[in-house]
């Protein structure tokens, strides 16, 4: 359909999972995509979609000018920044070290801050565009065992709103929105450092228990939302939250169903 035909996008953490789905989708819809990641698998993906790859640590401020310069040098401009890179550590607060707290903050918050700081001038130079920040349903509600992760994703949510307002105030024609995935079937579940369990989390079993529609989300579900925010279809959206969670943040249905089934009939 060419929804982002002629646009240039950077996708951080684009080597796998949601980031890879975003890179493929944006490329399929006409964008030139620069994938950045610490995972060298991003190089093969970039070749597959006709894009480019840069090995990049999002927390390294000194490396960011080269990311922007590479996008502009290779493809002529920058119109879309997808700040997707992130990590998660599932631990109770009392078992979380300061090092683990700081690492999550560095990647999930500092990395997002830097992506926005360096993307705004470049996107403004190109005549305007979109910044999409990957948050989570954990940034909208609390979760025991994910307090530190939730803190980072909540920070991303409000940072997106404030950045959107600053861009609007500058008349920079740069929109900033956040995306909030629920339980999505990606490799991250097998990588979550945790205590108190002997096996990796099964996202399908988790979705069956906590997602109202009973199904795990797919990376493509999130990529579709990112495509919408990157395209001109969302031209009047900024400072908004796009929640893609199968109904998690809407509430629970089991109690209602049980009371309906066992309730008295008049």
C-alpha atoms as a PDB file:
ATOM      1  CA  UNK A   1       0.000   0.000   0.000  1.00  0.00           C
ATOM      2  CA  UNK A   2       3.008   2.326   0.349  1.00  0.00           C
ATOM      3  CA  UNK A   3       1.841   3.997   3.568  1.00  0.00           C
ATOM      4  CA  UNK A   4       5.341   5.312   4.274  1.00  0.00           C
ATOM      5  CA  UNK A   5       6.591   5.515   0.700  1.00  0.00           C
ATOM      6  CA  UNK A   6       9.604   7.793   0.432  1.00  0.00           C
ATOM      7  CA  UNK A   7      10.168   8.043   4.181  1.00  0.00           C
ATOM      8  CA  UNK A   8      13.368   7.160   6.028  1.00  0.00           C
ATOM      9  CA  UNK A   9      13.166   5.434   9.405  1.00  0.00           C
ATOM     10  CA  UNK A  10      15.522   4.418  12.190  1.00  0.00           C
ATOM     11  CA  UNK A  11      14.461   1.437  14.301  1.00  0.00           C
ATOM     12  CA  UNK A  12      16.507   0.866  17.448  1.00  0.00           C
ATOM     13  CA  UNK A  13      16.650  -2.662  18.811  1.00  0.00           C
ATOM     14  CA  UNK A  14      15.585  -3.731  15.339  1.00  0.00           C
ATOM     15  CA  UNK A  15      17.409  -7.049  15.049  1.00  0.00           C
ATOM     16  CA  UNK A  16      14.668  -9.257  16.487  1.00  0.00           C
ATOM     17  CA  UNK A  17      11.190  -9.405  17.988  1.00  0.00           C
ATOM     18  CA  UNK A  18       9.015  -6.306  17.768  1.00  0.00           C
ATOM     19  CA  UNK A  19      11.850  -4.219  16.345  1.00  0.00           C
ATOM     20  CA  UNK A  20      12.422  -6.630  13.474  1.00  0.00           C
ATOM     21  CA  UNK A  21       8.697  -6.718  12.706  1.00  0.00           C
ATOM     22  CA  UNK A  22       8.653  -2.912  12.659  1.00  0.00           C
ATOM     23  CA  UNK A  23      11.649  -2.765  10.318  1.00  0.00           C
ATOM     24  CA  UNK A  24      10.126  -5.303   7.903  1.00  0.00           C
ATOM     25  CA  UNK A  25       6.731  -3.616   7.932  1.00  0.00           C
ATOM     26  CA  UNK A  26       8.049  -0.115   7.362  1.00  0.00           C
ATOM     27  CA  UNK A  27      10.255  -1.374   4.512  1.00  0.00           C
ATOM     28  CA  UNK A  28       7.372  -3.291   2.944  1.00  0.00           C
ATOM     29  CA  UNK A  29       5.315  -0.097   3.016  1.00  0.00           C
ATOM     30  CA  UNK A  30       7.969   1.888   1.173  1.00  0.00           C
ATOM     31  CA  UNK A  31      10.379   3.257   3.781  1.00  0.00           C
ATOM     32  CA  UNK A  32      14.139   3.001   3.795  1.00  0.00           C
ATOM     33  CA  UNK A  33      15.105   1.632   7.196  1.00  0.00           C
ATOM     34  CA  UNK A  34      18.269   1.936   9.260  1.00  0.00           C
ATOM     35  CA  UNK A  35      18.309  -0.809  11.889  1.00  0.00           C
ATOM     36  CA  UNK A  36      20.429  -0.258  14.984  1.00  0.00           C
ATOM     37  CA  UNK A  37      21.148  -2.942  17.556  1.00  0.00           C
ATOM     38  CA  UNK A  38      23.930  -4.578  19.547  1.00  0.00           C
ATOM     39  CA  UNK A  39      22.859  -7.877  17.951  1.00  0.00           C
ATOM     40  CA  UNK A  40      24.675  -8.449  14.664  1.00  0.00           C
ATOM     41  CA  UNK A  41      21.630 -10.348  13.371  1.00  0.00           C
ATOM     42  CA  UNK A  42      20.367  -6.928  12.349  1.00  0.00           C
ATOM     43  CA  UNK A  43      22.858  -6.918   9.480  1.00  0.00           C
ATOM     44  CA  UNK A  44      21.186  -9.862   7.733  1.00  0.00           C
ATOM     45  CA  UNK A  45      17.754  -8.337   8.285  1.00  0.00           C
ATOM     46  CA  UNK A  46      18.903  -5.029   6.808  1.00  0.00           C
ATOM     47  CA  UNK A  47      20.151  -6.852   3.707  1.00  0.00           C
ATOM     48  CA  UNK A  48      16.819  -8.690   3.461  1.00  0.00           C
ATOM     49  CA  UNK A  49      14.746  -5.494   3.463  1.00  0.00           C
ATOM     50  CA  UNK A  50      17.119  -3.317   1.450  1.00  0.00           C
ATOM     51  CA  UNK A  51      18.026  -1.162   4.416  1.00  0.00           C
ATOM     52  CA  UNK A  52      21.152  -0.540   6.458  1.00  0.00           C
ATOM     53  CA  UNK A  53      22.506  -1.720   9.796  1.00  0.00           C
ATOM     54  CA  UNK A  54      24.571   0.011  12.453  1.00  0.00           C
ATOM     55  CA  UNK A  55      25.842  -1.682  15.588  1.00  0.00           C
ATOM     56  CA  UNK A  56      24.801   0.740  18.267  1.00  0.00           C
ATOM     57  CA  UNK A  57      24.370   1.035  22.025  1.00  0.00           C
ATOM     58  CA  UNK A  58      21.430   3.408  22.582  1.00  0.00           C
ATOM     59  CA  UNK A  59      22.882   4.528  25.922  1.00  0.00           C
ATOM     60  CA  UNK A  60      26.064   5.873  24.266  1.00  0.00           C
ATOM     61  CA  UNK A  61      25.404   9.566  23.678  1.00  0.00           C
ATOM     62  CA  UNK A  62      28.594  10.039  21.671  1.00  0.00           C
ATOM     63  CA  UNK A  63      27.431   7.441  19.120  1.00  0.00           C
ATOM     64  CA  UNK A  64      24.085   9.073  18.368  1.00  0.00           C
ATOM     65  CA  UNK A  65      25.278  11.747  15.906  1.00  0.00           C
ATOM     66  CA  UNK A  66      26.643   8.975  13.693  1.00  0.00           C
ATOM     67  CA  UNK A  67      23.279   7.171  13.735  1.00  0.00           C
ATOM     68  CA  UNK A  68      21.522  10.284  12.442  1.00  0.00           C
ATOM     69  CA  UNK A  69      24.316  11.047   9.979  1.00  0.00           C
ATOM     70  CA  UNK A  70      24.202   7.488   8.614  1.00  0.00           C
ATOM     71  CA  UNK A  71      20.462   7.727   7.959  1.00  0.00           C
ATOM     72  CA  UNK A  72      20.847  11.075   6.213  1.00  0.00           C
ATOM     73  CA  UNK A  73      23.946  10.048   4.289  1.00  0.00           C
ATOM     74  CA  UNK A  74      22.577   6.709   3.087  1.00  0.00           C
ATOM     75  CA  UNK A  75      18.983   7.688   2.440  1.00  0.00           C
ATOM     76  CA  UNK A  76      18.914  11.482   2.299  1.00  0.00           C
ATOM     77  CA  UNK A  77      16.845  12.373   5.369  1.00  0.00           C
ATOM     78  CA  UNK A  78      15.172  11.126   8.531  1.00  0.00           C
ATOM     79  CA  UNK A  79      11.392  11.129   8.911  1.00  0.00           C
ATOM     80  CA  UNK A  80      10.651   8.400  11.467  1.00  0.00           C
ATOM     81  CA  UNK A  81      12.364   7.338  14.691  1.00  0.00           C
ATOM     82  CA  UNK A  82      11.149   4.135  16.331  1.00  0.00           C
ATOM     83  CA  UNK A  83      12.752   3.986  19.790  1.00  0.00           C
ATOM     84  CA  UNK A  84      12.210   0.298  20.405  1.00  0.00           C
ATOM     85  CA  UNK A  85      15.382  -0.865  22.166  1.00  0.00           C
ATOM     86  CA  UNK A  86      14.689  -2.035  25.702  1.00  0.00           C
ATOM     87  CA  UNK A  87      15.413  -4.662  28.323  1.00  0.00           C
ATOM     88  CA  UNK A  88      13.438  -6.222  31.145  1.00  0.00           C
ATOM     89  CA  UNK A  89      14.443  -7.713  34.484  1.00  0.00           C
ATOM     90  CA  UNK A  90      11.709  -9.526  36.377  1.00  0.00           C
ATOM     91  CA  UNK A  91      12.530  -9.378  40.079  1.00  0.00           C
ATOM     92  CA  UNK A  92      10.928  -8.184  43.308  1.00  0.00           C
ATOM     93  CA  UNK A  93      12.197  -4.814  44.505  1.00  0.00           C
ATOM     94  CA  UNK A  94      14.016  -6.358  47.484  1.00  0.00           C
ATOM     95  CA  UNK A  95      15.969  -8.678  45.178  1.00  0.00           C
ATOM     96  CA  UNK A  96      16.882  -6.048  42.582  1.00  0.00           C
ATOM     97  CA  UNK A  97      20.396  -4.664  42.734  1.00  0.00           C
ATOM     98  CA  UNK A  98      21.233  -1.038  42.087  1.00  0.00           C
ATOM     99  CA  UNK A  99      23.195  -2.205  39.061  1.00  0.00           C
ATOM    100  CA  UNK A 100      20.094  -3.897  37.631  1.00  0.00           C
ATOM    101  CA  UNK A 101      17.974  -0.814  38.345  1.00  0.00           C
ATOM    102  CA  UNK A 102      20.483   1.472  36.644  1.00  0.00           C
ATOM    103  CA  UNK A 103      20.883  -0.829  33.628  1.00  0.00           C
ATOM    104  CA  UNK A 104      17.142  -0.848  32.946  1.00  0.00           C
ATOM    105  CA  UNK A 105      16.972   2.918  33.396  1.00  0.00           C
ATOM    106  CA  UNK A 106      19.940   3.413  31.076  1.00  0.00           C
ATOM    107  CA  UNK A 107      18.516   1.382  28.187  1.00  0.00           C
ATOM    108  CA  UNK A 108      14.792   1.997  28.612  1.00  0.00           C
ATOM    109  CA  UNK A 109      14.848   5.660  29.623  1.00  0.00           C
ATOM    110  CA  UNK A 110      18.239   7.185  28.772  1.00  0.00           C
ATOM    111  CA  UNK A 111      18.223   5.455  25.377  1.00  0.00           C
ATOM    112  CA  UNK A 112      14.759   6.817  24.606  1.00  0.00           C
ATOM    113  CA  UNK A 113      15.737  10.313  25.733  1.00  0.00           C
ATOM    114  CA  UNK A 114      18.757  10.270  23.418  1.00  0.00           C
ATOM    115  CA  UNK A 115      16.761   8.935  20.473  1.00  0.00           C
ATOM    116  CA  UNK A 116      14.310  11.820  20.804  1.00  0.00           C
ATOM    117  CA  UNK A 117      16.938  14.471  21.459  1.00  0.00           C
ATOM    118  CA  UNK A 118      18.895  13.596  18.333  1.00  0.00           C
ATOM    119  CA  UNK A 119      15.935  12.743  16.098  1.00  0.00           C
ATOM    120  CA  UNK A 120      13.969  15.979  16.522  1.00  0.00           C
ATOM    121  CA  UNK A 121      16.393  18.287  14.637  1.00  0.00           C
ATOM    122  CA  UNK A 122      16.874  15.753  11.828  1.00  0.00           C
ATOM    123  CA  UNK A 123      13.150  15.126  11.356  1.00  0.00           C
ATOM    124  CA  UNK A 124      12.498  18.878  11.450  1.00  0.00           C
ATOM    125  CA  UNK A 125      15.133  19.346   8.720  1.00  0.00           C
ATOM    126  CA  UNK A 126      13.265  16.811   6.603  1.00  0.00           C
ATOM    127  CA  UNK A 127      10.049  18.808   6.891  1.00  0.00           C
ATOM    128  CA  UNK A 128       8.462  16.817   9.705  1.00  0.00           C
ATOM    129  CA  UNK A 129       7.630  13.289  10.708  1.00  0.00           C
ATOM    130  CA  UNK A 130       6.987  10.935  13.576  1.00  0.00           C
ATOM    131  CA  UNK A 131       8.738   9.628  16.676  1.00  0.00           C
ATOM    132  CA  UNK A 132       7.340   6.412  18.136  1.00  0.00           C
ATOM    133  CA  UNK A 133       8.422   5.384  21.632  1.00  0.00           C
ATOM    134  CA  UNK A 134       7.964   1.776  22.710  1.00  0.00           C
ATOM    135  CA  UNK A 135       6.488   1.660  26.196  1.00  0.00           C
ATOM    136  CA  UNK A 136       4.359  -1.190  27.572  1.00  0.00           C
ATOM    137  CA  UNK A 137       1.159  -1.950  29.443  1.00  0.00           C
ATOM    138  CA  UNK A 138       3.616  -2.028  32.352  1.00  0.00           C
ATOM    139  CA  UNK A 139       3.867   1.729  31.837  1.00  0.00           C
ATOM    140  CA  UNK A 140       0.129   2.091  32.416  1.00  0.00           C
ATOM    141  CA  UNK A 141      -0.408  -0.160  35.453  1.00  0.00           C
ATOM    142  CA  UNK A 142       1.640  -1.737  38.204  1.00  0.00           C
ATOM    143  CA  UNK A 143       2.802  -5.326  38.360  1.00  0.00           C
ATOM    144  CA  UNK A 144       4.424  -7.168  41.264  1.00  0.00           C
ATOM    145  CA  UNK A 145       7.860  -8.367  40.258  1.00  0.00           C
ATOM    146  CA  UNK A 146       8.122  -5.758  37.511  1.00  0.00           C
ATOM    147  CA  UNK A 147       8.231  -2.574  39.588  1.00  0.00           C
ATOM    148  CA  UNK A 148      11.554  -1.389  38.202  1.00  0.00           C
ATOM    149  CA  UNK A 149      10.621  -2.217  34.610  1.00  0.00           C
ATOM    150  CA  UNK A 150       7.254  -0.502  35.093  1.00  0.00           C
ATOM    151  CA  UNK A 151       9.039   2.594  36.369  1.00  0.00           C
ATOM    152  CA  UNK A 152      11.030   2.819  33.140  1.00  0.00           C
ATOM    153  CA  UNK A 153       8.010   2.301  30.900  1.00  0.00           C
ATOM    154  CA  UNK A 154       5.920   4.786  32.859  1.00  0.00           C
ATOM    155  CA  UNK A 155       8.724   7.292  32.356  1.00  0.00           C
ATOM    156  CA  UNK A 156       8.633   6.672  28.606  1.00  0.00           C
ATOM    157  CA  UNK A 157       4.870   7.321  28.542  1.00  0.00           C
ATOM    158  CA  UNK A 158       5.093  10.761  30.138  1.00  0.00           C
ATOM    159  CA  UNK A 159       8.303  11.651  28.338  1.00  0.00           C
ATOM    160  CA  UNK A 160       6.465  11.082  25.042  1.00  0.00           C
ATOM    161  CA  UNK A 161       3.721  13.507  26.053  1.00  0.00           C
ATOM    162  CA  UNK A 162       6.136  16.216  27.154  1.00  0.00           C
ATOM    163  CA  UNK A 163       8.290  15.784  24.042  1.00  0.00           C
ATOM    164  CA  UNK A 164       5.163  16.034  21.890  1.00  0.00           C
ATOM    165  CA  UNK A 165       4.250  19.325  23.536  1.00  0.00           C
ATOM    166  CA  UNK A 166       7.735  20.750  23.116  1.00  0.00           C
ATOM    167  CA  UNK A 167       7.725  19.839  19.416  1.00  0.00           C
ATOM    168  CA  UNK A 168       4.296  21.411  19.018  1.00  0.00           C
ATOM    169  CA  UNK A 169       5.478  24.540  20.796  1.00  0.00           C
ATOM    170  CA  UNK A 170       8.456  24.767  18.421  1.00  0.00           C
ATOM    171  CA  UNK A 171       6.164  24.180  15.417  1.00  0.00           C
ATOM    172  CA  UNK A 172       8.708  21.543  14.405  1.00  0.00           C
ATOM    173  CA  UNK A 173       6.095  19.334  12.662  1.00  0.00           C
ATOM    174  CA  UNK A 174       7.409  16.392  14.684  1.00  0.00           C
ATOM    175  CA  UNK A 175       4.809  14.146  16.310  1.00  0.00           C
ATOM    176  CA  UNK A 176       5.663  11.984  19.347  1.00  0.00           C
ATOM    177  CA  UNK A 177       3.489   9.077  20.514  1.00  0.00           C
ATOM    178  CA  UNK A 178       3.953   5.985  22.658  1.00  0.00           C
ATOM    179  CA  UNK A 179       2.965   2.370  21.970  1.00  0.00           C
ATOM    180  CA  UNK A 180       1.966   0.019  24.787  1.00  0.00           C
ATOM    181  CA  UNK A 181       2.191  -3.692  23.931  1.00  0.00           C
ATOM    182  CA  UNK A 182       0.695  -6.342  26.174  1.00  0.00           C
ATOM    183  CA  UNK A 183       1.845  -9.972  26.187  1.00  0.00           C
ATOM    184  CA  UNK A 184       3.650 -10.401  22.874  1.00  0.00           C
ATOM    185  CA  UNK A 185       5.340 -13.597  21.704  1.00  0.00           C
ATOM    186  CA  UNK A 186       8.968 -12.501  21.306  1.00  0.00           C
ATOM    187  CA  UNK A 187      12.373 -13.923  22.315  1.00  0.00           C
ATOM    188  CA  UNK A 188      12.573 -11.517  25.273  1.00  0.00           C
ATOM    189  CA  UNK A 189      10.591 -13.912  27.506  1.00  0.00           C
ATOM    190  CA  UNK A 190      13.416 -16.443  27.419  1.00  0.00           C
ATOM    191  CA  UNK A 191      15.979 -13.762  28.294  1.00  0.00           C
ATOM    192  CA  UNK A 192      14.304 -12.191  31.328  1.00  0.00           C
ATOM    193  CA  UNK A 193      16.702 -12.482  34.292  1.00  0.00           C
ATOM    194  CA  UNK A 194      14.634 -13.566  37.261  1.00  0.00           C
ATOM    195  CA  UNK A 195      14.524 -15.465  40.499  1.00  0.00           C
ATOM    196  CA  UNK A 196      12.020 -17.974  41.795  1.00  0.00           C
ATOM    197  CA  UNK A 197      11.406 -19.994  38.656  1.00  0.00           C
ATOM    198  CA  UNK A 198      13.115 -22.920  36.928  1.00  0.00           C
ATOM    199  CA  UNK A 199      11.934 -22.348  33.359  1.00  0.00           C
ATOM    200  CA  UNK A 200      11.484 -19.378  31.013  1.00  0.00           C
ATOM    201  CA  UNK A 201       8.097 -17.683  30.967  1.00  0.00           C
ATOM    202  CA  UNK A 202       5.758 -19.140  28.342  1.00  0.00           C
ATOM    203  CA  UNK A 203       4.018 -16.098  26.790  1.00  0.00           C
ATOM    204  CA  UNK A 204       1.151 -18.227  25.436  1.00  0.00           C
ATOM    205  CA  UNK A 205       0.360 -19.627  28.855  1.00  0.00           C
ATOM    206  CA  UNK A 206       0.660 -16.146  30.338  1.00  0.00           C
ATOM    207  CA  UNK A 207      -1.720 -14.742  27.719  1.00  0.00           C
ATOM    208  CA  UNK A 208      -4.250 -17.507  28.360  1.00  0.00           C
ATOM    209  CA  UNK A 209      -4.285 -16.476  32.013  1.00  0.00           C
ATOM    210  CA  UNK A 210      -4.275 -12.677  31.825  1.00  0.00           C
ATOM    211  CA  UNK A 211      -5.300 -11.483  28.337  1.00  0.00           C
ATOM    212  CA  UNK A 212      -9.088 -11.086  28.043  1.00  0.00           C
ATOM    213  CA  UNK A 213      -9.228 -12.309  24.443  1.00  0.00           C
ATOM    214  CA  UNK A 214      -7.143 -15.324  25.530  1.00  0.00           C
ATOM    215  CA  UNK A 215      -4.495 -15.006  22.853  1.00  0.00           C
ATOM    216  CA  UNK A 216      -0.877 -13.932  22.852  1.00  0.00           C
ATOM    217  CA  UNK A 217      -0.031 -10.965  20.647  1.00  0.00           C
ATOM    218  CA  UNK A 218       2.408 -11.188  17.764  1.00  0.00           C
ATOM    219  CA  UNK A 219       5.192  -8.751  16.862  1.00  0.00           C
ATOM    220  CA  UNK A 220       3.255  -7.921  13.710  1.00  0.00           C
ATOM    221  CA  UNK A 221       0.351  -6.663  15.814  1.00  0.00           C
ATOM    222  CA  UNK A 222       2.646  -4.039  17.296  1.00  0.00           C
ATOM    223  CA  UNK A 223       4.342  -3.288  13.987  1.00  0.00           C
ATOM    224  CA  UNK A 224       0.939  -2.497  12.477  1.00  0.00           C
ATOM    225  CA  UNK A 225       0.388   0.119  15.170  1.00  0.00           C
ATOM    226  CA  UNK A 226       3.857   1.574  14.641  1.00  0.00           C
ATOM    227  CA  UNK A 227       3.181   1.767  10.894  1.00  0.00           C
ATOM    228  CA  UNK A 228       0.004   3.734  11.577  1.00  0.00           C
ATOM    229  CA  UNK A 229       1.846   6.214  13.816  1.00  0.00           C
ATOM    230  CA  UNK A 230       4.714   6.528  11.336  1.00  0.00           C
ATOM    231  CA  UNK A 231       2.361   7.225   8.437  1.00  0.00           C
ATOM    232  CA  UNK A 232       0.356  10.296   7.540  1.00  0.00           C
ATOM    233  CA  UNK A 233      -2.810   8.435   8.570  1.00  0.00           C
ATOM    234  CA  UNK A 234      -2.033   9.566  12.124  1.00  0.00           C
ATOM    235  CA  UNK A 235      -1.126  13.131  11.157  1.00  0.00           C
ATOM    236  CA  UNK A 236      -3.360  14.641  13.883  1.00  0.00           C
ATOM    237  CA  UNK A 237      -2.045  12.389  16.670  1.00  0.00           C
ATOM    238  CA  UNK A 238       0.664  13.508  19.035  1.00  0.00           C
ATOM    239  CA  UNK A 239       1.226  12.972  22.746  1.00  0.00           C
ATOM    240  CA  UNK A 240      -1.088   9.961  22.565  1.00  0.00           C
ATOM    241  CA  UNK A 241      -0.922   6.355  23.751  1.00  0.00           C
ATOM    242  CA  UNK A 242      -1.617   3.470  21.388  1.00  0.00           C
ATOM    243  CA  UNK A 243      -2.461   0.428  23.541  1.00  0.00           C
ATOM    244  CA  UNK A 244      -2.235  -2.972  21.807  1.00  0.00           C
ATOM    245  CA  UNK A 245      -2.823  -5.488  24.573  1.00  0.00           C
ATOM    246  CA  UNK A 246      -5.772  -7.775  23.860  1.00  0.00           C
ATOM    247  CA  UNK A 247      -7.807  -5.988  26.506  1.00  0.00           C
ATOM    248  CA  UNK A 248      -5.463  -6.270  29.494  1.00  0.00           C
ATOM    249  CA  UNK A 249      -5.789  -2.641  30.547  1.00  0.00           C
ATOM    250  CA  UNK A 250      -9.561  -2.727  30.063  1.00  0.00           C
ATOM    251  CA  UNK A 251      -9.925  -5.036  33.056  1.00  0.00           C
ATOM    252  CA  UNK A 252     -10.779  -8.675  33.772  1.00  0.00           C
ATOM    253  CA  UNK A 253     -13.779 -10.650  32.514  1.00  0.00           C
ATOM    254  CA  UNK A 254     -13.630 -13.923  34.436  1.00  0.00           C
ATOM    255  CA  UNK A 255     -15.519 -12.681  37.479  1.00  0.00           C
ATOM    256  CA  UNK A 256     -18.290 -11.241  35.321  1.00  0.00           C
ATOM    257  CA  UNK A 257     -18.585 -14.419  33.284  1.00  0.00           C
ATOM    258  CA  UNK A 258     -18.702 -16.606  36.398  1.00  0.00           C
ATOM    259  CA  UNK A 259     -21.386 -14.473  38.086  1.00  0.00           C
ATOM    260  CA  UNK A 260     -23.476 -14.463  34.908  1.00  0.00           C
ATOM    261  CA  UNK A 261     -23.293 -18.194  34.527  1.00  0.00           C
ATOM    262  CA  UNK A 262     -24.130 -18.927  38.174  1.00  0.00           C
ATOM    263  CA  UNK A 263     -26.483 -16.026  38.850  1.00  0.00           C
ATOM    264  CA  UNK A 264     -30.124 -16.330  39.773  1.00  0.00           C
ATOM    265  CA  UNK A 265     -32.702 -16.266  37.042  1.00  0.00           C
ATOM    266  CA  UNK A 266     -35.719 -14.104  37.606  1.00  0.00           C
END
